[in-house]
Each structure stands twice: as structure tokens, then as C-alpha cells.
PDB file of N, CA and C in Angstrom:
ATOM      1  N   TYR A   1     -17.119  11.974  44.180  1.00  0.00           N
ATOM      2  CA  TYR A   1     -18.037  12.545  43.221  1.00  0.00           C
ATOM      3  C   TYR A   1     -17.361  12.795  41.882  1.00  0.00           C
ATOM      4  N   ASN A   2     -16.058  12.987  41.897  1.00  0.00           N
ATOM      5  CA  ASN A   2     -15.345  13.228  40.640  1.00  0.00           C
ATOM      6  C   ASN A   2     -15.545  12.072  39.672  1.00  0.00           C
ATOM      7  N   VAL A   3     -15.506  10.857  40.194  1.00  0.00           N
ATOM      8  CA  VAL A   3     -15.621   9.681  39.335  1.00  0.00           C
ATOM      9  C   VAL A   3     -17.061   9.455  38.914  1.00  0.00           C
ATOM     10  N   ILE A   4     -17.988   9.581  39.837  1.00  0.00           N
ATOM     11  CA  ILE A   4     -19.391   9.281  39.552  1.00  0.00           C
ATOM     12  C   ILE A   4     -20.012  10.335  38.645  1.00  0.00           C
ATOM     13  N   VAL A   5     -19.843  11.592  38.966  1.00  0.00           N
ATOM     14  CA  VAL A   5     -20.476  12.680  38.220  1.00  0.00           C
ATOM     15  C   VAL A   5     -19.562  13.202  37.117  1.00  0.00           C
ATOM     16  N   GLY A   6     -18.292  13.277  37.372  1.00  0.00           N
ATOM     17  CA  GLY A   6     -17.334  13.804  36.398  1.00  0.00           C
ATOM     18  C   GLY A   6     -16.919  15.224  36.747  1.00  0.00           C
ATOM     19  N   ARG A   7     -15.644  15.483  36.636  1.00  0.00           N
ATOM     20  CA  ARG A   7     -15.100  16.791  37.010  1.00  0.00           C
ATOM     21  C   ARG A   7     -15.693  17.919  36.169  1.00  0.00           C
ATOM     22  N   THR A   8     -15.901  17.671  34.880  1.00  0.00           N
ATOM     23  CA  THR A   8     -16.467  18.701  34.010  1.00  0.00           C
ATOM     24  C   THR A   8     -17.875  19.080  34.452  1.00  0.00           C
ATOM     25  N   ALA A   9     -18.687  18.088  34.778  1.00  0.00           N
ATOM     26  CA  ALA A   9     -20.057  18.357  35.234  1.00  0.00           C
ATOM     27  C   ALA A   9     -20.053  19.104  36.560  1.00  0.00           C
ATOM     28  N   LEU A  10     -19.145  18.754  37.456  1.00  0.00           N
ATOM     29  CA  LEU A  10     -19.064  19.436  38.749  1.00  0.00           C
ATOM     30  C   LEU A  10     -18.696  20.901  38.559  1.00  0.00           C
ATOM     31  N   THR A  11     -17.798  21.168  37.626  1.00  0.00           N
ATOM     32  CA  THR A  11     -17.414  22.550  37.340  1.00  0.00           C
ATOM     33  C   THR A  11     -18.583  23.313  36.727  1.00  0.00           C
ATOM     34  N   ARG A  12     -19.302  22.658  35.845  1.00  0.00           N
ATOM     35  CA  ARG A  12     -20.429  23.298  35.164  1.00  0.00           C
ATOM     36  C   ARG A  12     -21.524  23.719  36.140  1.00  0.00           C
ATOM     37  N   VAL A  13     -21.798  22.901  37.163  1.00  0.00           N
ATOM     38  CA  VAL A  13     -22.853  23.249  38.129  1.00  0.00           C
ATOM     39  C   VAL A  13     -22.306  24.026  39.321  1.00  0.00           C
ATOM     40  N   LYS A  14     -21.017  24.387  39.251  1.00  0.00           N
ATOM     41  CA  LYS A  14     -20.367  25.181  40.300  1.00  0.00           C
ATOM     42  C   LYS A  14     -20.454  24.504  41.667  1.00  0.00           C
ATOM     43  N   ALA A  15     -20.191  23.203  41.676  1.00  0.00           N
ATOM     44  CA  ALA A  15     -20.258  22.428  42.915  1.00  0.00           C
ATOM     45  C   ALA A  15     -19.020  22.671  43.770  1.00  0.00           C
ATOM     46  N   HIS A  16     -19.210  22.636  45.070  1.00  0.00           N
ATOM     47  CA  HIS A  16     -18.118  22.742  46.035  1.00  0.00           C
ATOM     48  C   HIS A  16     -18.029  21.403  46.750  1.00  0.00           C
ATOM     49  N   LEU A  17     -16.857  20.769  46.695  1.00  0.00           N
ATOM     50  CA  LEU A  17     -16.680  19.455  47.297  1.00  0.00           C
ATOM     51  C   LEU A  17     -15.922  19.545  48.605  1.00  0.00           C
ATOM     52  N   SER A  18     -16.352  18.755  49.566  1.00  0.00           N
ATOM     53  CA  SER A  18     -15.654  18.621  50.833  1.00  0.00           C
ATOM     54  C   SER A  18     -15.457  17.128  51.090  1.00  0.00           C
ATOM     55  N   PRO A  19     -14.357  16.550  50.567  1.00  0.00           N
ATOM     56  CA  PRO A  19     -14.136  15.115  50.725  1.00  0.00           C
ATOM     57  C   PRO A  19     -14.072  14.675  52.186  1.00  0.00           C
ATOM     58  N   HIS A  20     -13.513  15.515  53.029  1.00  0.00           N
ATOM     59  CA  HIS A  20     -13.405  15.169  54.449  1.00  0.00           C
ATOM     60  C   HIS A  20     -14.785  14.956  55.075  1.00  0.00           C
ATOM     61  N   MET A  21     -15.746  15.770  54.679  1.00  0.00           N
ATOM     62  CA  MET A  21     -17.104  15.685  55.229  1.00  0.00           C
ATOM     63  C   MET A  21     -18.022  14.818  54.359  1.00  0.00           C
ATOM     64  N   LEU A  22     -17.487  14.276  53.252  1.00  0.00           N
ATOM     65  CA  LEU A  22     -18.292  13.555  52.265  1.00  0.00           C
ATOM     66  C   LEU A  22     -19.511  14.381  51.881  1.00  0.00           C
ATOM     67  N   LEU A  23     -19.258  15.615  51.466  1.00  0.00           N
ATOM     68  CA  LEU A  23     -20.321  16.571  51.192  1.00  0.00           C
ATOM     69  C   LEU A  23     -20.069  17.293  49.875  1.00  0.00           C
ATOM     70  N   MET A  24     -21.131  17.475  49.108  1.00  0.00           N
ATOM     71  CA  MET A  24     -21.072  18.266  47.889  1.00  0.00           C
ATOM     72  C   MET A  24     -22.190  19.298  47.967  1.00  0.00           C
ATOM     73  N   LYS A  25     -21.838  20.580  47.797  1.00  0.00           N
ATOM     74  CA  LYS A  25     -22.825  21.659  47.791  1.00  0.00           C
ATOM     75  C   LYS A  25     -22.847  22.289  46.407  1.00  0.00           C
ATOM     76  N   PHE A  26     -24.020  22.753  46.005  1.00  0.00           N
ATOM     77  CA  PHE A  26     -24.177  23.356  44.690  1.00  0.00           C
ATOM     78  C   PHE A  26     -25.311  24.370  44.736  1.00  0.00           C
ATOM     79  N   PRO A  27     -25.213  25.417  43.921  1.00  0.00           N
ATOM     80  CA  PRO A  27     -26.265  26.439  43.914  1.00  0.00           C
ATOM     81  C   PRO A  27     -27.521  25.931  43.206  1.00  0.00           C
ATOM     82  N   THR A  28     -28.680  26.332  43.720  1.00  0.00           N
ATOM     83  CA  THR A  28     -29.972  26.039  43.092  1.00  0.00           C
ATOM     84  C   THR A  28     -30.756  27.347  43.013  1.00  0.00           C
ATOM     85  N   PRO A  29     -31.825  27.388  42.259  1.00  0.00           N
ATOM     86  CA  PRO A  29     -32.630  28.615  42.203  1.00  0.00           C
ATOM     87  C   PRO A  29     -33.198  29.019  43.564  1.00  0.00           C
ATOM     88  N   ASN A  30     -33.355  28.060  44.475  1.00  0.00           N
ATOM     89  CA  ASN A  30     -33.940  28.335  45.791  1.00  0.00           C
ATOM     90  C   ASN A  30     -32.917  28.378  46.920  1.00  0.00           C
ATOM     91  N   GLY A  31     -31.641  28.468  46.601  1.00  0.00           N
ATOM     92  CA  GLY A  31     -30.612  28.494  47.649  1.00  0.00           C
ATOM     93  C   GLY A  31     -29.499  27.511  47.336  1.00  0.00           C
ATOM     94  N   THR A  32     -29.033  26.823  48.359  1.00  0.00           N
ATOM     95  CA  THR A  32     -27.933  25.878  48.210  1.00  0.00           C
ATOM     96  C   THR A  32     -28.427  24.457  48.421  1.00  0.00           C
ATOM     97  N   GLY A  33     -28.096  23.582  47.465  1.00  0.00           N
ATOM     98  CA  GLY A  33     -28.408  22.168  47.598  1.00  0.00           C
ATOM     99  C   GLY A  33     -27.195  21.436  48.141  1.00  0.00           C
ATOM    100  N   ALA A  34     -27.435  20.315  48.793  1.00  0.00           N
ATOM    101  CA  ALA A  34     -26.327  19.545  49.360  1.00  0.00           C
ATOM    102  C   ALA A  34     -26.594  18.054  49.208  1.00  0.00           C
ATOM    103  N   VAL A  35     -25.517  17.315  48.967  1.00  0.00           N
ATOM    104  CA  VAL A  35     -25.577  15.860  48.901  1.00  0.00           C
ATOM    105  C   VAL A  35     -24.534  15.343  49.869  1.00  0.00           C
ATOM    106  N   ARG A  36     -24.947  14.495  50.786  1.00  0.00           N
ATOM    107  CA  ARG A  36     -24.025  13.897  51.750  1.00  0.00           C
ATOM    108  C   ARG A  36     -23.755  12.450  51.368  1.00  0.00           C
ATOM    109  N   GLY A  37     -22.502  12.051  51.521  1.00  0.00           N
ATOM    110  CA  GLY A  37     -22.118  10.680  51.257  1.00  0.00           C
ATOM    111  C   GLY A  37     -22.194   9.843  52.516  1.00  0.00           C
ATOM    112  N   ASN A  38     -21.881   8.573  52.369  1.00  0.00           N
ATOM    113  CA  ASN A  38     -21.871   7.636  53.477  1.00  0.00           C
ATOM    114  C   ASN A  38     -20.487   7.014  53.533  1.00  0.00           C
ATOM    115  N   GLN A  39     -19.812   7.135  54.667  1.00  0.00           N
ATOM    116  CA  GLN A  39     -18.424   6.691  54.767  1.00  0.00           C
ATOM    117  C   GLN A  39     -18.278   5.198  54.497  1.00  0.00           C
ATOM    118  N   LEU A  40     -19.170   4.381  55.036  1.00  0.00           N
ATOM    119  CA  LEU A  40     -19.076   2.939  54.823  1.00  0.00           C
ATOM    120  C   LEU A  40     -19.265   2.597  53.346  1.00  0.00           C
ATOM    121  N   SER A  41     -20.247   3.211  52.701  1.00  0.00           N
ATOM    122  CA  SER A  41     -20.475   2.968  51.272  1.00  0.00           C
ATOM    123  C   SER A  41     -19.293   3.442  50.439  1.00  0.00           C
ATOM    124  N   ALA A  42     -18.742   4.596  50.782  1.00  0.00           N
ATOM    125  CA  ALA A  42     -17.592   5.127  50.051  1.00  0.00           C
ATOM    126  C   ALA A  42     -16.389   4.201  50.189  1.00  0.00           C
ATOM    127  N   ARG A  43     -16.150   3.699  51.381  1.00  0.00           N
ATOM    128  CA  ARG A  43     -15.019   2.798  51.611  1.00  0.00           C
ATOM    129  C   ARG A  43     -15.206   1.487  50.847  1.00  0.00           C
ATOM    130  N   THR A  44     -16.429   0.950  50.865  1.00  0.00           N
ATOM    131  CA  THR A  44     -16.721  -0.291  50.155  1.00  0.00           C
ATOM    132  C   THR A  44     -16.532  -0.108  48.654  1.00  0.00           C
ATOM    133  N   CYS A  45     -17.021   0.993  48.118  1.00  0.00           N
ATOM    134  CA  CYS A  45     -16.876   1.289  46.689  1.00  0.00           C
ATOM    135  C   CYS A  45     -15.401   1.431  46.319  1.00  0.00           C
ATOM    136  N   TYR A  46     -14.643   2.138  47.140  1.00  0.00           N
ATOM    137  CA  TYR A  46     -13.217   2.344  46.884  1.00  0.00           C
ATOM    138  C   TYR A  46     -12.470   1.009  46.906  1.00  0.00           C
ATOM    139  N   THR A  47     -12.758   0.177  47.895  1.00  0.00           N
ATOM    140  CA  THR A  47     -12.098  -1.125  48.014  1.00  0.00           C
ATOM    141  C   THR A  47     -12.427  -2.007  46.818  1.00  0.00           C
ATOM    142  N   THR A  48     -13.676  -2.003  46.406  1.00  0.00           N
ATOM    143  CA  THR A  48     -14.097  -2.794  45.252  1.00  0.00           C
ATOM    144  C   THR A  48     -13.410  -2.311  43.981  1.00  0.00           C
ATOM    145  N   ALA A  49     -13.269  -1.009  43.829  1.00  0.00           N
ATOM    146  CA  ALA A  49     -12.638  -0.445  42.633  1.00  0.00           C
ATOM    147  C   ALA A  49     -11.161  -0.812  42.550  1.00  0.00           C
ATOM    148  N   LEU A  50     -10.518  -1.010  43.690  1.00  0.00           N
ATOM    149  CA  LEU A  50      -9.094  -1.345  43.693  1.00  0.00           C
ATOM    150  C   LEU A  50      -8.827  -2.795  43.312  1.00  0.00           C
ATOM    151  N   LYS A  51      -9.828  -3.644  43.397  1.00  0.00           N
ATOM    152  CA  LYS A  51      -9.634  -5.080  43.106  1.00  0.00           C
ATOM    153  C   LYS A  51      -9.479  -5.348  41.640  1.00  0.00           C
TER     154      LYS A  51
END
């Protein structure tokens, strides 16, 4: 998420990252929002970026 969203934006929205779980949590007016990643997609993106 650091690369896609940007570290500054993550700090601004007070996001909590859990790379091990491929999870990002952030506060919303109605509670806590969460975004889950996909391990296969993350691995494919990482491999492509290294080429």
C-alpha cells in the first residue's frame, strides 16, 4: 500500500498496515474500514515491478 497509495496519504488517514495479513485498517465516521489484499496479486505485482 505504501507504493500504491503513498506513505504521506496513509499517515494522513491514520491507516494501520499489516503486511503479513495483507490488511490495511483505517478510521471512518462509522467505525473501522478495512481493505484486504490478495497474496497472488501482490506477488505478481512485485515480480513484475522487479523486471
